[in-house]
């Protein structure tokens, strides 16, 4: 008799829990442009992270007192416009990968400015 009572109470509790659970799912239209833009920004952030992984950039950042994890955290927190500007700047560098002092100074000033914001 107790088993049936426990089963009945358990069934009622389970049924009430299922009926009272809140639905959190939301639906909406996702445009192709929206998805393509997000994919493009992710690609650009990857380009910036790869740039920060270069040995010469790491050495220059360390010389300026910027820790690598802090720079990578800042890249992750960049807005879409900042990411596009930085990636465009990286793309405009010489193809040989040689950065003159002016380019490196501008990039590092941008990174430092972004760290201070």
N, C-alpha and C. Protein backbone atom coordinates (compact mmCIF):
# COMPACT_ATOMS: atom_id res chain seq x y z
N UNK A 1 0.82 -1.19 0.00
CA UNK A 1 0.00 0.00 0.00
C UNK A 1 0.86 1.26 0.00
N UNK A 2 1.95 1.24 0.78
CA UNK A 2 2.84 2.40 0.83
C UNK A 2 3.52 2.63 -0.51
N UNK A 3 3.83 1.57 -1.23
CA UNK A 3 4.49 1.69 -2.52
C UNK A 3 3.57 2.41 -3.50
N UNK A 4 2.31 2.06 -3.52
CA UNK A 4 1.37 2.72 -4.42
C UNK A 4 1.20 4.19 -4.05
N UNK A 5 1.21 4.49 -2.76
CA UNK A 5 1.08 5.87 -2.31
C UNK A 5 2.30 6.68 -2.76
N UNK A 6 3.50 6.10 -2.61
CA UNK A 6 4.72 6.78 -3.04
C UNK A 6 4.73 6.98 -4.55
N UNK A 7 4.26 5.99 -5.29
CA UNK A 7 4.22 6.12 -6.74
C UNK A 7 3.24 7.21 -7.15
N UNK A 8 2.10 7.26 -6.48
CA UNK A 8 1.09 8.26 -6.80
C UNK A 8 1.59 9.67 -6.48
N UNK A 9 2.18 9.83 -5.29
CA UNK A 9 2.71 11.14 -4.90
C UNK A 9 3.86 11.53 -5.82
N UNK A 10 4.73 10.57 -6.13
CA UNK A 10 5.84 10.85 -7.04
C UNK A 10 5.34 11.26 -8.41
N UNK A 11 4.32 10.61 -8.90
CA UNK A 11 3.74 10.95 -10.19
C UNK A 11 3.14 12.34 -10.19
N UNK A 12 2.47 12.69 -9.09
CA UNK A 12 1.89 14.03 -8.98
C UNK A 12 2.97 15.10 -8.92
N UNK A 13 4.01 14.84 -8.15
CA UNK A 13 5.11 15.81 -8.06
C UNK A 13 5.79 15.98 -9.41
N UNK A 14 6.05 14.88 -10.09
CA UNK A 14 6.68 14.93 -11.41
C UNK A 14 5.78 15.66 -12.41
N UNK A 15 4.51 15.35 -12.40
CA UNK A 15 3.57 16.01 -13.30
C UNK A 15 3.48 17.50 -13.03
N UNK A 16 3.45 17.88 -11.75
CA UNK A 16 3.40 19.30 -11.41
C UNK A 16 4.69 20.01 -11.84
N UNK A 17 5.83 19.36 -11.65
CA UNK A 17 7.10 19.96 -12.04
C UNK A 17 7.16 20.18 -13.55
N UNK A 18 6.66 19.23 -14.32
CA UNK A 18 6.68 19.37 -15.77
C UNK A 18 5.71 20.44 -16.24
N UNK A 19 4.58 20.57 -15.57
CA UNK A 19 3.59 21.57 -15.97
C UNK A 19 4.03 22.98 -15.59
N UNK A 20 4.75 23.12 -14.51
CA UNK A 20 5.12 24.44 -14.02
C UNK A 20 6.46 24.94 -14.53
N UNK A 21 7.17 24.12 -15.27
CA UNK A 21 8.49 24.55 -15.74
C UNK A 21 8.33 25.67 -16.76
N UNK A 22 9.19 26.66 -16.65
CA UNK A 22 9.13 27.81 -17.54
C UNK A 22 9.86 27.50 -18.84
N UNK A 23 9.30 27.97 -19.91
CA UNK A 23 9.93 27.78 -21.21
C UNK A 23 10.84 28.97 -21.48
N UNK A 24 12.10 28.69 -21.83
CA UNK A 24 13.05 29.77 -22.07
C UNK A 24 13.49 29.84 -23.53
N UNK A 25 12.94 29.01 -24.37
CA UNK A 25 13.35 29.01 -25.78
C UNK A 25 12.71 30.18 -26.51
N UNK A 26 13.50 30.79 -27.39
CA UNK A 26 12.99 31.90 -28.19
C UNK A 26 13.36 31.63 -29.64
N UNK A 27 12.51 32.03 -30.53
CA UNK A 27 12.77 31.83 -31.95
C UNK A 27 12.85 33.18 -32.63
N UNK A 28 13.60 33.24 -33.67
CA UNK A 28 13.71 34.48 -34.43
C UNK A 28 14.37 34.20 -35.76
N UNK A 29 14.23 35.15 -36.66
CA UNK A 29 14.83 35.01 -37.99
C UNK A 29 16.30 35.38 -37.91
N UNK A 30 17.14 34.60 -38.55
CA UNK A 30 18.56 34.88 -38.63
C UNK A 30 18.88 35.10 -40.11
N UNK A 31 19.37 36.29 -40.41
CA UNK A 31 19.66 36.59 -41.80
C UNK A 31 21.04 36.06 -42.18
N UNK A 32 21.24 35.88 -43.45
CA UNK A 32 22.53 35.42 -43.96
C UNK A 32 23.61 36.46 -43.68
N UNK A 33 23.26 37.73 -43.86
CA UNK A 33 24.23 38.80 -43.61
C UNK A 33 24.67 38.80 -42.15
N UNK A 34 23.74 38.55 -41.25
CA UNK A 34 24.05 38.52 -39.82
C UNK A 34 25.04 37.41 -39.51
N UNK A 35 24.79 36.23 -40.04
CA UNK A 35 25.68 35.08 -39.80
C UNK A 35 27.04 35.29 -40.46
N UNK A 36 27.04 35.83 -41.67
CA UNK A 36 28.30 36.06 -42.38
C UNK A 36 29.14 37.10 -41.65
N UNK A 37 28.50 38.13 -41.10
CA UNK A 37 29.22 39.16 -40.36
C UNK A 37 29.87 38.61 -39.11
N UNK A 38 29.17 37.75 -38.40
CA UNK A 38 29.73 37.15 -37.19
C UNK A 38 30.90 36.25 -37.54
N UNK A 39 30.80 35.52 -38.64
CA UNK A 39 31.87 34.63 -39.07
C UNK A 39 33.09 35.45 -39.49
N UNK A 40 32.86 36.57 -40.15
CA UNK A 40 33.95 37.45 -40.59
C UNK A 40 34.69 38.03 -39.39
N UNK A 41 33.97 38.47 -38.39
CA UNK A 41 34.60 39.04 -37.19
C UNK A 41 35.42 37.97 -36.48
N UNK A 42 34.91 36.75 -36.40
CA UNK A 42 35.66 35.67 -35.76
C UNK A 42 36.96 35.40 -36.52
N UNK A 43 36.91 35.46 -37.84
CA UNK A 43 38.11 35.27 -38.65
C UNK A 43 39.11 36.39 -38.41
N UNK A 44 38.62 37.62 -38.32
CA UNK A 44 39.50 38.76 -38.09
C UNK A 44 40.15 38.68 -36.70
N UNK A 45 39.38 38.26 -35.69
CA UNK A 45 39.96 38.09 -34.35
C UNK A 45 41.04 37.02 -34.35
N UNK A 46 40.83 35.96 -35.12
CA UNK A 46 41.84 34.92 -35.25
C UNK A 46 43.11 35.47 -35.88
N UNK A 47 42.95 36.36 -36.85
CA UNK A 47 44.10 36.98 -37.50
C UNK A 47 44.89 37.82 -36.47
N UNK A 48 44.17 38.55 -35.62
CA UNK A 48 44.84 39.38 -34.60
C UNK A 48 45.53 38.49 -33.58
N UNK A 49 44.87 37.40 -33.16
CA UNK A 49 45.50 36.48 -32.20
C UNK A 49 46.76 35.86 -32.78
N UNK A 50 46.72 35.49 -34.06
CA UNK A 50 47.91 34.95 -34.72
C UNK A 50 49.02 35.98 -34.77
N UNK A 51 48.66 37.23 -35.00
CA UNK A 51 49.65 38.30 -35.01
C UNK A 51 50.30 38.44 -33.63
N UNK A 52 49.50 38.36 -32.58
CA UNK A 52 50.04 38.47 -31.22
C UNK A 52 50.89 37.27 -30.84
N UNK A 53 50.73 36.15 -31.52
CA UNK A 53 51.52 34.95 -31.23
C UNK A 53 52.91 34.98 -31.87
N UNK A 54 53.15 35.94 -32.74
CA UNK A 54 54.47 36.04 -33.38
C UNK A 54 55.52 36.41 -32.34
N UNK A 55 56.70 35.86 -32.49
CA UNK A 55 57.78 36.06 -31.51
C UNK A 55 58.20 37.52 -31.43
N UNK A 56 58.29 38.21 -32.57
CA UNK A 56 58.73 39.60 -32.53
C UNK A 56 57.70 40.51 -31.86
N UNK A 57 56.44 40.21 -32.06
CA UNK A 57 55.39 41.01 -31.43
C UNK A 57 55.36 40.74 -29.92
N UNK A 58 55.51 39.47 -29.54
CA UNK A 58 55.56 39.12 -28.12
C UNK A 58 56.71 39.85 -27.43
N UNK A 59 57.87 39.85 -28.07
CA UNK A 59 59.05 40.51 -27.48
C UNK A 59 58.81 42.00 -27.33
N UNK A 60 58.20 42.61 -28.33
CA UNK A 60 57.93 44.06 -28.26
C UNK A 60 56.90 44.38 -27.18
N UNK A 61 55.86 43.57 -27.08
CA UNK A 61 54.85 43.78 -26.04
C UNK A 61 55.47 43.64 -24.65
N UNK A 62 56.33 42.64 -24.47
CA UNK A 62 56.99 42.45 -23.19
C UNK A 62 57.91 43.62 -22.87
N UNK A 63 58.58 44.14 -23.90
CA UNK A 63 59.45 45.29 -23.69
C UNK A 63 58.66 46.52 -23.24
N UNK A 64 57.43 46.61 -23.69
CA UNK A 64 56.57 47.73 -23.29
C UNK A 64 55.81 47.45 -22.00
N UNK A 65 55.98 46.26 -21.44
CA UNK A 65 55.35 45.92 -20.17
C UNK A 65 53.92 45.42 -20.29
N UNK A 66 53.53 44.97 -21.47
CA UNK A 66 52.18 44.45 -21.67
C UNK A 66 52.25 42.93 -21.62
N UNK A 67 51.53 42.34 -20.67
CA UNK A 67 51.52 40.88 -20.54
C UNK A 67 50.70 40.27 -21.67
N UNK A 68 51.17 39.14 -22.16
CA UNK A 68 50.49 38.46 -23.27
C UNK A 68 49.04 38.10 -22.96
N UNK A 69 48.75 37.53 -21.78
CA UNK A 69 47.34 37.21 -21.49
C UNK A 69 46.45 38.45 -21.47
N UNK A 70 47.00 39.56 -21.00
CA UNK A 70 46.20 40.78 -20.95
C UNK A 70 45.89 41.27 -22.37
N UNK A 71 46.85 41.17 -23.26
CA UNK A 71 46.62 41.58 -24.65
C UNK A 71 45.59 40.67 -25.32
N UNK A 72 45.68 39.37 -25.06
CA UNK A 72 44.72 38.44 -25.66
C UNK A 72 43.31 38.64 -25.09
N UNK A 73 43.23 38.95 -23.79
CA UNK A 73 41.93 39.24 -23.20
C UNK A 73 41.32 40.49 -23.82
N UNK A 74 42.17 41.46 -24.10
CA UNK A 74 41.67 42.70 -24.71
C UNK A 74 41.18 42.45 -26.12
N UNK A 75 41.87 41.59 -26.87
CA UNK A 75 41.42 41.25 -28.22
C UNK A 75 40.05 40.59 -28.15
N UNK A 76 39.86 39.72 -27.16
CA UNK A 76 38.57 39.05 -27.02
C UNK A 76 37.46 40.04 -26.68
N UNK A 77 37.81 41.16 -26.03
CA UNK A 77 36.80 42.14 -25.62
C UNK A 77 36.61 43.26 -26.64
N UNK A 78 37.32 43.22 -27.75
CA UNK A 78 37.23 44.30 -28.75
C UNK A 78 35.85 44.34 -29.40
N UNK A 79 35.44 45.56 -29.77
CA UNK A 79 34.20 45.70 -30.52
C UNK A 79 34.46 45.30 -31.97
N UNK A 80 33.40 45.13 -32.73
CA UNK A 80 33.54 44.73 -34.13
C UNK A 80 34.33 45.77 -34.93
N UNK A 81 34.10 47.05 -34.65
CA UNK A 81 34.80 48.11 -35.37
C UNK A 81 36.29 48.09 -35.04
N UNK A 82 36.64 47.86 -33.78
CA UNK A 82 38.05 47.78 -33.40
C UNK A 82 38.74 46.59 -34.05
N UNK A 83 38.03 45.48 -34.09
CA UNK A 83 38.59 44.27 -34.72
C UNK A 83 38.86 44.53 -36.20
N UNK A 84 37.90 45.13 -36.88
CA UNK A 84 38.07 45.39 -38.31
C UNK A 84 39.21 46.37 -38.56
N UNK A 85 39.34 47.40 -37.73
CA UNK A 85 40.41 48.38 -37.90
C UNK A 85 41.78 47.73 -37.68
N UNK A 86 41.89 46.93 -36.64
CA UNK A 86 43.16 46.28 -36.34
C UNK A 86 43.53 45.27 -37.42
N UNK A 87 42.56 44.48 -37.88
CA UNK A 87 42.83 43.49 -38.92
C UNK A 87 43.20 44.17 -40.23
N UNK A 88 42.56 45.28 -40.52
CA UNK A 88 42.90 46.02 -41.73
C UNK A 88 44.32 46.56 -41.65
N UNK A 89 44.70 47.00 -40.47
CA UNK A 89 46.07 47.50 -40.27
C UNK A 89 47.09 46.36 -40.45
N UNK A 90 46.76 45.19 -39.93
CA UNK A 90 47.66 44.04 -40.10
C UNK A 90 47.76 43.66 -41.57
N UNK A 91 46.62 43.70 -42.28
CA UNK A 91 46.62 43.35 -43.71
C UNK A 91 47.44 44.34 -44.54
N UNK A 92 47.52 45.59 -44.10
CA UNK A 92 48.23 46.60 -44.88
C UNK A 92 49.74 46.58 -44.64
N UNK A 93 50.20 45.72 -43.74
CA UNK A 93 51.64 45.62 -43.47
C UNK A 93 52.35 44.97 -44.65
N UNK A 94 53.65 45.19 -44.74
CA UNK A 94 54.41 44.58 -45.84
C UNK A 94 54.26 43.06 -45.85
N UNK A 95 54.25 42.49 -47.04
CA UNK A 95 54.01 41.06 -47.20
C UNK A 95 55.12 40.21 -46.58
N UNK A 96 56.31 40.75 -46.49
CA UNK A 96 57.42 40.00 -45.93
C UNK A 96 57.32 39.83 -44.43
N UNK A 97 56.38 40.46 -43.83
CA UNK A 97 56.21 40.34 -42.39
C UNK A 97 57.11 41.29 -41.62
N UNK A 98 57.83 42.14 -42.33
CA UNK A 98 58.71 43.09 -41.65
C UNK A 98 57.91 44.32 -41.27
N UNK A 99 57.98 44.65 -40.01
CA UNK A 99 57.25 45.80 -39.49
C UNK A 99 58.28 46.87 -39.17
N UNK A 100 58.09 48.05 -39.75
CA UNK A 100 59.02 49.11 -39.39
C UNK A 100 58.59 49.71 -38.05
N UNK A 101 59.41 50.52 -37.49
CA UNK A 101 59.15 51.07 -36.15
C UNK A 101 57.87 51.87 -36.09
N UNK A 102 57.57 52.57 -37.16
CA UNK A 102 56.34 53.38 -37.18
C UNK A 102 55.10 52.49 -37.07
N UNK A 103 55.04 51.43 -37.88
CA UNK A 103 53.89 50.52 -37.84
C UNK A 103 53.75 49.87 -36.47
N UNK A 104 54.87 49.39 -35.94
CA UNK A 104 54.83 48.73 -34.64
C UNK A 104 54.41 49.69 -33.54
N UNK A 105 54.89 50.91 -33.61
CA UNK A 105 54.52 51.92 -32.62
C UNK A 105 53.03 52.20 -32.67
N UNK A 106 52.49 52.33 -33.87
CA UNK A 106 51.05 52.59 -34.01
C UNK A 106 50.24 51.42 -33.46
N UNK A 107 50.63 50.21 -33.80
CA UNK A 107 49.90 49.04 -33.32
C UNK A 107 49.97 48.93 -31.80
N UNK A 108 51.14 49.12 -31.26
CA UNK A 108 51.28 49.02 -29.81
C UNK A 108 50.56 50.14 -29.09
N UNK A 109 50.54 51.34 -29.67
CA UNK A 109 49.77 52.42 -29.07
C UNK A 109 48.27 52.10 -29.07
N UNK A 110 47.81 51.49 -30.15
CA UNK A 110 46.40 51.10 -30.21
C UNK A 110 46.11 50.06 -29.14
N UNK A 111 46.99 49.06 -29.01
CA UNK A 111 46.79 48.02 -28.01
C UNK A 111 46.82 48.63 -26.61
N UNK A 112 47.77 49.49 -26.35
CA UNK A 112 47.84 50.13 -25.03
C UNK A 112 46.63 50.99 -24.76
N UNK A 113 46.19 51.73 -25.78
CA UNK A 113 44.99 52.55 -25.63
C UNK A 113 43.78 51.67 -25.33
N UNK A 114 43.69 50.56 -26.02
CA UNK A 114 42.56 49.64 -25.79
C UNK A 114 42.63 49.02 -24.41
N UNK A 115 43.84 48.79 -23.92
CA UNK A 115 43.99 48.23 -22.57
C UNK A 115 43.57 49.24 -21.51
N UNK A 116 43.78 50.50 -21.78
CA UNK A 116 43.43 51.53 -20.81
C UNK A 116 41.94 51.84 -20.78
N UNK A 117 41.25 51.50 -21.85
CA UNK A 117 39.80 51.81 -21.94
C UNK A 117 39.02 50.87 -21.08
